[in-house]
């Protein structure tokens, strides 16, 4: 079983693992941990000497395993992009380099954990991008404003035939 991470850590960081993923996770965790020890053999000593944070090492293991589990068995591990079309069935795969490339690649932030000491940062989850509807808070402020309030919401008092009261809503 893993030195720095457990299958539950993968599930906690990502989502509930399927039964197949639960079976694969321990092997993948061990594989990633061995890869870390091959690349940075002094990791256990550096953890013992508080030169590297154990939780940062766990993050490296967990996010490496998620990257592997996140690809279904139908998609090559080194796929840069994968597209399917339902009608008349079509599949497009773009590989990230030659098929001989190593399937386990440590991201720059992961390398920083081992080579940057205790100042390394953990991964951040990207926030969704795009256009989103106007905040309901602004509407609530307008609905509860007093008639004649100069600070009434941008469309002003009576916008849309509403007198500012909550009656009828």
C-alpha atoms as a PDB file:
ATOM      1  CA  UNK A   1       0.000   0.000   0.000  1.00  0.00           C
ATOM      2  CA  UNK A   2       1.076   3.577  -0.587  1.00  0.00           C
ATOM      3  CA  UNK A   3       3.697   5.321   1.499  1.00  0.00           C
ATOM      4  CA  UNK A   4       2.324   8.850   1.140  1.00  0.00           C
ATOM      5  CA  UNK A   5      -1.186   8.402  -0.307  1.00  0.00           C
ATOM      6  CA  UNK A   6      -4.112   6.014  -0.122  1.00  0.00           C
ATOM      7  CA  UNK A   7      -6.988   5.336  -2.544  1.00  0.00           C
ATOM      8  CA  UNK A   8      -9.306   7.330  -0.253  1.00  0.00           C
ATOM      9  CA  UNK A   9      -7.080  10.394  -0.828  1.00  0.00           C
ATOM     10  CA  UNK A  10      -7.655  10.072  -4.575  1.00  0.00           C
ATOM     11  CA  UNK A  11     -11.412   9.808  -4.041  1.00  0.00           C
ATOM     12  CA  UNK A  12     -11.458  12.758  -1.645  1.00  0.00           C
ATOM     13  CA  UNK A  13      -9.601  14.999  -4.086  1.00  0.00           C
ATOM     14  CA  UNK A  14     -11.555  13.954  -7.168  1.00  0.00           C
ATOM     15  CA  UNK A  15     -14.801  12.031  -6.840  1.00  0.00           C
ATOM     16  CA  UNK A  16     -16.072   8.719  -5.504  1.00  0.00           C
ATOM     17  CA  UNK A  17     -14.053   6.028  -7.239  1.00  0.00           C
ATOM     18  CA  UNK A  18     -15.782   3.348  -9.273  1.00  0.00           C
ATOM     19  CA  UNK A  19     -15.128  -0.278  -8.238  1.00  0.00           C
ATOM     20  CA  UNK A  20     -12.669  -0.636 -11.135  1.00  0.00           C
ATOM     21  CA  UNK A  21     -10.840   2.541 -10.071  1.00  0.00           C
ATOM     22  CA  UNK A  22     -10.741   1.317  -6.466  1.00  0.00           C
ATOM     23  CA  UNK A  23      -8.951  -1.799  -7.710  1.00  0.00           C
ATOM     24  CA  UNK A  24      -6.492   0.143  -9.883  1.00  0.00           C
ATOM     25  CA  UNK A  25      -5.757   3.008  -7.452  1.00  0.00           C
ATOM     26  CA  UNK A  26      -3.439   1.098  -5.032  1.00  0.00           C
ATOM     27  CA  UNK A  27      -1.290  -0.172  -7.907  1.00  0.00           C
ATOM     28  CA  UNK A  28      -1.121   3.280  -9.517  1.00  0.00           C
ATOM     29  CA  UNK A  29      -0.286   4.937  -6.181  1.00  0.00           C
ATOM     30  CA  UNK A  30       2.589   2.481  -5.691  1.00  0.00           C
ATOM     31  CA  UNK A  31       3.758   3.091  -9.266  1.00  0.00           C
ATOM     32  CA  UNK A  32       3.787   6.875  -8.843  1.00  0.00           C
ATOM     33  CA  UNK A  33       5.543   6.626  -5.484  1.00  0.00           C
ATOM     34  CA  UNK A  34       8.234   4.398  -6.995  1.00  0.00           C
ATOM     35  CA  UNK A  35       8.652   6.904  -9.839  1.00  0.00           C
ATOM     36  CA  UNK A  36       9.130   9.655  -7.234  1.00  0.00           C
ATOM     37  CA  UNK A  37      11.745   7.555  -5.441  1.00  0.00           C
ATOM     38  CA  UNK A  38      13.567   6.891  -8.725  1.00  0.00           C
ATOM     39  CA  UNK A  39      13.582  10.596  -9.604  1.00  0.00           C
ATOM     40  CA  UNK A  40      14.188  11.945  -6.074  1.00  0.00           C
ATOM     41  CA  UNK A  41      15.625   9.061  -3.973  1.00  0.00           C
ATOM     42  CA  UNK A  42      16.274  11.312  -0.973  1.00  0.00           C
ATOM     43  CA  UNK A  43      12.555  12.112  -0.542  1.00  0.00           C
ATOM     44  CA  UNK A  44      12.010   9.981   2.614  1.00  0.00           C
ATOM     45  CA  UNK A  45      15.041  11.580   4.317  1.00  0.00           C
ATOM     46  CA  UNK A  46      13.970  15.072   3.283  1.00  0.00           C
ATOM     47  CA  UNK A  47      10.488  14.435   4.701  1.00  0.00           C
ATOM     48  CA  UNK A  48      12.021  13.153   7.947  1.00  0.00           C
ATOM     49  CA  UNK A  49      14.172  16.307   8.144  1.00  0.00           C
ATOM     50  CA  UNK A  50      11.138  18.549   7.445  1.00  0.00           C
ATOM     51  CA  UNK A  51      12.677  19.762   4.198  1.00  0.00           C
ATOM     52  CA  UNK A  52       9.614  18.614   2.243  1.00  0.00           C
ATOM     53  CA  UNK A  53       6.030  18.648   3.459  1.00  0.00           C
ATOM     54  CA  UNK A  54       4.441  15.176   3.456  1.00  0.00           C
ATOM     55  CA  UNK A  55       1.111  16.657   2.371  1.00  0.00           C
ATOM     56  CA  UNK A  56       2.761  18.208  -0.696  1.00  0.00           C
ATOM     57  CA  UNK A  57       4.174  14.802  -1.641  1.00  0.00           C
ATOM     58  CA  UNK A  58       0.712  13.296  -1.151  1.00  0.00           C
ATOM     59  CA  UNK A  59      -0.683  15.952  -3.522  1.00  0.00           C
ATOM     60  CA  UNK A  60       1.852  14.958  -6.177  1.00  0.00           C
ATOM     61  CA  UNK A  61       0.900  11.283  -5.844  1.00  0.00           C
ATOM     62  CA  UNK A  62      -2.849  11.937  -5.783  1.00  0.00           C
ATOM     63  CA  UNK A  63      -2.918  14.319  -8.760  1.00  0.00           C
ATOM     64  CA  UNK A  64      -0.644  12.019 -10.768  1.00  0.00           C
ATOM     65  CA  UNK A  65      -3.006   9.097 -10.138  1.00  0.00           C
ATOM     66  CA  UNK A  66      -6.045  11.228 -11.008  1.00  0.00           C
ATOM     67  CA  UNK A  67      -4.416  12.143 -14.328  1.00  0.00           C
ATOM     68  CA  UNK A  68      -4.076   8.430 -15.106  1.00  0.00           C
ATOM     69  CA  UNK A  69      -7.498   7.350 -13.814  1.00  0.00           C
ATOM     70  CA  UNK A  70      -9.157  10.282 -15.568  1.00  0.00           C
ATOM     71  CA  UNK A  71      -8.449   8.693 -18.917  1.00  0.00           C
ATOM     72  CA  UNK A  72     -10.715   5.793 -19.827  1.00  0.00           C
ATOM     73  CA  UNK A  73      -9.243   2.583 -21.155  1.00  0.00           C
ATOM     74  CA  UNK A  74     -10.552   3.513 -24.645  1.00  0.00           C
ATOM     75  CA  UNK A  75      -8.356   6.616 -24.762  1.00  0.00           C
ATOM     76  CA  UNK A  76      -4.563   6.351 -25.067  1.00  0.00           C
ATOM     77  CA  UNK A  77      -2.792   7.549 -21.933  1.00  0.00           C
ATOM     78  CA  UNK A  78      -0.697  10.028 -23.911  1.00  0.00           C
ATOM     79  CA  UNK A  79      -3.717  11.550 -25.687  1.00  0.00           C
ATOM     80  CA  UNK A  80      -3.558  15.340 -25.837  1.00  0.00           C
ATOM     81  CA  UNK A  81      -7.165  15.536 -27.014  1.00  0.00           C
ATOM     82  CA  UNK A  82      -9.956  13.057 -27.631  1.00  0.00           C
ATOM     83  CA  UNK A  83     -13.199  13.671 -29.469  1.00  0.00           C
ATOM     84  CA  UNK A  84     -16.171  11.455 -30.243  1.00  0.00           C
ATOM     85  CA  UNK A  85     -19.214  12.132 -32.399  1.00  0.00           C
ATOM     86  CA  UNK A  86     -22.395  10.170 -31.884  1.00  0.00           C
ATOM     87  CA  UNK A  87     -24.122  10.264 -35.292  1.00  0.00           C
ATOM     88  CA  UNK A  88     -22.364   7.913 -37.740  1.00  0.00           C
ATOM     89  CA  UNK A  89     -19.695   7.381 -35.066  1.00  0.00           C
ATOM     90  CA  UNK A  90     -16.374   9.190 -35.292  1.00  0.00           C
ATOM     91  CA  UNK A  91     -13.335   9.275 -32.987  1.00  0.00           C
ATOM     92  CA  UNK A  92     -10.428  11.723 -33.171  1.00  0.00           C
ATOM     93  CA  UNK A  93      -7.340  11.356 -30.975  1.00  0.00           C
ATOM     94  CA  UNK A  94      -4.378  13.736 -30.875  1.00  0.00           C
ATOM     95  CA  UNK A  95      -1.354  12.264 -29.134  1.00  0.00           C
ATOM     96  CA  UNK A  96       0.854  14.380 -26.898  1.00  0.00           C
ATOM     97  CA  UNK A  97       4.132  13.533 -28.595  1.00  0.00           C
ATOM     98  CA  UNK A  98       5.280  10.180 -29.956  1.00  0.00           C
ATOM     99  CA  UNK A  99       3.712   6.978 -28.682  1.00  0.00           C
ATOM    100  CA  UNK A 100       7.053   6.128 -27.050  1.00  0.00           C
ATOM    101  CA  UNK A 101       6.782   9.066 -24.588  1.00  0.00           C
ATOM    102  CA  UNK A 102       6.627   8.223 -20.903  1.00  0.00           C
ATOM    103  CA  UNK A 103       2.999   8.027 -19.698  1.00  0.00           C
ATOM    104  CA  UNK A 104       3.770   9.490 -16.272  1.00  0.00           C
ATOM    105  CA  UNK A 105       4.899  13.097 -16.456  1.00  0.00           C
ATOM    106  CA  UNK A 106       5.391  15.270 -13.396  1.00  0.00           C
ATOM    107  CA  UNK A 107       3.918  18.741 -13.881  1.00  0.00           C
ATOM    108  CA  UNK A 108       6.106  21.788 -13.077  1.00  0.00           C
ATOM    109  CA  UNK A 109       4.390  22.394  -9.714  1.00  0.00           C
ATOM    110  CA  UNK A 110       5.084  18.752  -8.804  1.00  0.00           C
ATOM    111  CA  UNK A 111       8.773  19.113  -9.612  1.00  0.00           C
ATOM    112  CA  UNK A 112       8.826  22.272  -7.455  1.00  0.00           C
ATOM    113  CA  UNK A 113       7.663  20.218  -4.475  1.00  0.00           C
ATOM    114  CA  UNK A 114      10.876  18.191  -4.638  1.00  0.00           C
ATOM    115  CA  UNK A 115      13.296  20.712  -6.071  1.00  0.00           C
ATOM    116  CA  UNK A 116      11.859  23.892  -4.584  1.00  0.00           C
ATOM    117  CA  UNK A 117      11.769  22.785  -0.934  1.00  0.00           C
ATOM    118  CA  UNK A 118       8.990  23.802   1.445  1.00  0.00           C
ATOM    119  CA  UNK A 119       8.032  26.878  -0.592  1.00  0.00           C
ATOM    120  CA  UNK A 120       6.362  24.781  -3.295  1.00  0.00           C
ATOM    121  CA  UNK A 121       2.657  25.320  -3.793  1.00  0.00           C
ATOM    122  CA  UNK A 122      -0.143  22.830  -4.182  1.00  0.00           C
ATOM    123  CA  UNK A 123      -2.349  22.655  -7.265  1.00  0.00           C
ATOM    124  CA  UNK A 124      -5.259  24.991  -7.646  1.00  0.00           C
ATOM    125  CA  UNK A 125      -8.542  23.962  -9.174  1.00  0.00           C
ATOM    126  CA  UNK A 126      -9.468  26.192 -12.102  1.00  0.00           C
ATOM    127  CA  UNK A 127     -12.625  28.235 -11.712  1.00  0.00           C
ATOM    128  CA  UNK A 128     -15.184  28.030 -14.493  1.00  0.00           C
ATOM    129  CA  UNK A 129     -14.858  30.636 -17.204  1.00  0.00           C
ATOM    130  CA  UNK A 130     -17.528  32.221 -19.315  1.00  0.00           C
ATOM    131  CA  UNK A 131     -20.476  34.548 -19.135  1.00  0.00           C
ATOM    132  CA  UNK A 132     -22.823  34.255 -16.197  1.00  0.00           C
ATOM    133  CA  UNK A 133     -26.193  35.875 -15.408  1.00  0.00           C
ATOM    134  CA  UNK A 134     -26.427  39.036 -13.328  1.00  0.00           C
ATOM    135  CA  UNK A 135     -26.226  38.466  -9.594  1.00  0.00           C
ATOM    136  CA  UNK A 136     -29.524  37.903  -7.833  1.00  0.00           C
ATOM    137  CA  UNK A 137     -28.124  40.044  -5.018  1.00  0.00           C
ATOM    138  CA  UNK A 138     -28.400  43.158  -7.211  1.00  0.00           C
ATOM    139  CA  UNK A 139     -32.017  42.317  -8.023  1.00  0.00           C
ATOM    140  CA  UNK A 140     -32.765  41.726  -4.339  1.00  0.00           C
ATOM    141  CA  UNK A 141     -31.245  45.127  -3.479  1.00  0.00           C
ATOM    142  CA  UNK A 142     -33.474  46.800  -6.067  1.00  0.00           C
ATOM    143  CA  UNK A 143     -36.580  44.947  -4.917  1.00  0.00           C
ATOM    144  CA  UNK A 144     -36.057  45.958  -1.304  1.00  0.00           C
ATOM    145  CA  UNK A 145     -35.066  49.596  -1.985  1.00  0.00           C
ATOM    146  CA  UNK A 146     -37.329  52.363  -0.753  1.00  0.00           C
ATOM    147  CA  UNK A 147     -39.345  54.320  -3.355  1.00  0.00           C
ATOM    148  CA  UNK A 148     -37.439  57.475  -4.295  1.00  0.00           C
ATOM    149  CA  UNK A 149     -34.089  55.990  -3.111  1.00  0.00           C
ATOM    150  CA  UNK A 150     -31.340  57.606  -5.240  1.00  0.00           C
ATOM    151  CA  UNK A 151     -29.237  54.467  -4.645  1.00  0.00           C
ATOM    152  CA  UNK A 152     -31.941  52.241  -6.201  1.00  0.00           C
ATOM    153  CA  UNK A 153     -30.712  49.631  -8.573  1.00  0.00           C
ATOM    154  CA  UNK A 154     -29.371  50.829 -11.940  1.00  0.00           C
ATOM    155  CA  UNK A 155     -32.741  50.712 -13.736  1.00  0.00           C
ATOM    156  CA  UNK A 156     -34.270  52.950 -11.075  1.00  0.00           C
ATOM    157  CA  UNK A 157     -37.528  52.986  -9.238  1.00  0.00           C
ATOM    158  CA  UNK A 158     -40.494  51.484 -10.999  1.00  0.00           C
ATOM    159  CA  UNK A 159     -38.447  49.589 -13.584  1.00  0.00           C
ATOM    160  CA  UNK A 160     -40.647  46.985 -15.211  1.00  0.00           C
ATOM    161  CA  UNK A 161     -43.722  48.375 -13.467  1.00  0.00           C
ATOM    162  CA  UNK A 162     -42.482  47.344 -10.030  1.00  0.00           C
ATOM    163  CA  UNK A 163     -42.879  49.747  -7.115  1.00  0.00           C
ATOM    164  CA  UNK A 164     -40.070  48.290  -5.013  1.00  0.00           C
ATOM    165  CA  UNK A 165     -42.272  46.192  -2.718  1.00  0.00           C
ATOM    166  CA  UNK A 166     -42.038  42.435  -2.418  1.00  0.00           C
ATOM    167  CA  UNK A 167     -45.802  41.966  -2.715  1.00  0.00           C
ATOM    168  CA  UNK A 168     -46.845  39.758  -5.569  1.00  0.00           C
ATOM    169  CA  UNK A 169     -43.512  37.928  -5.720  1.00  0.00           C
END
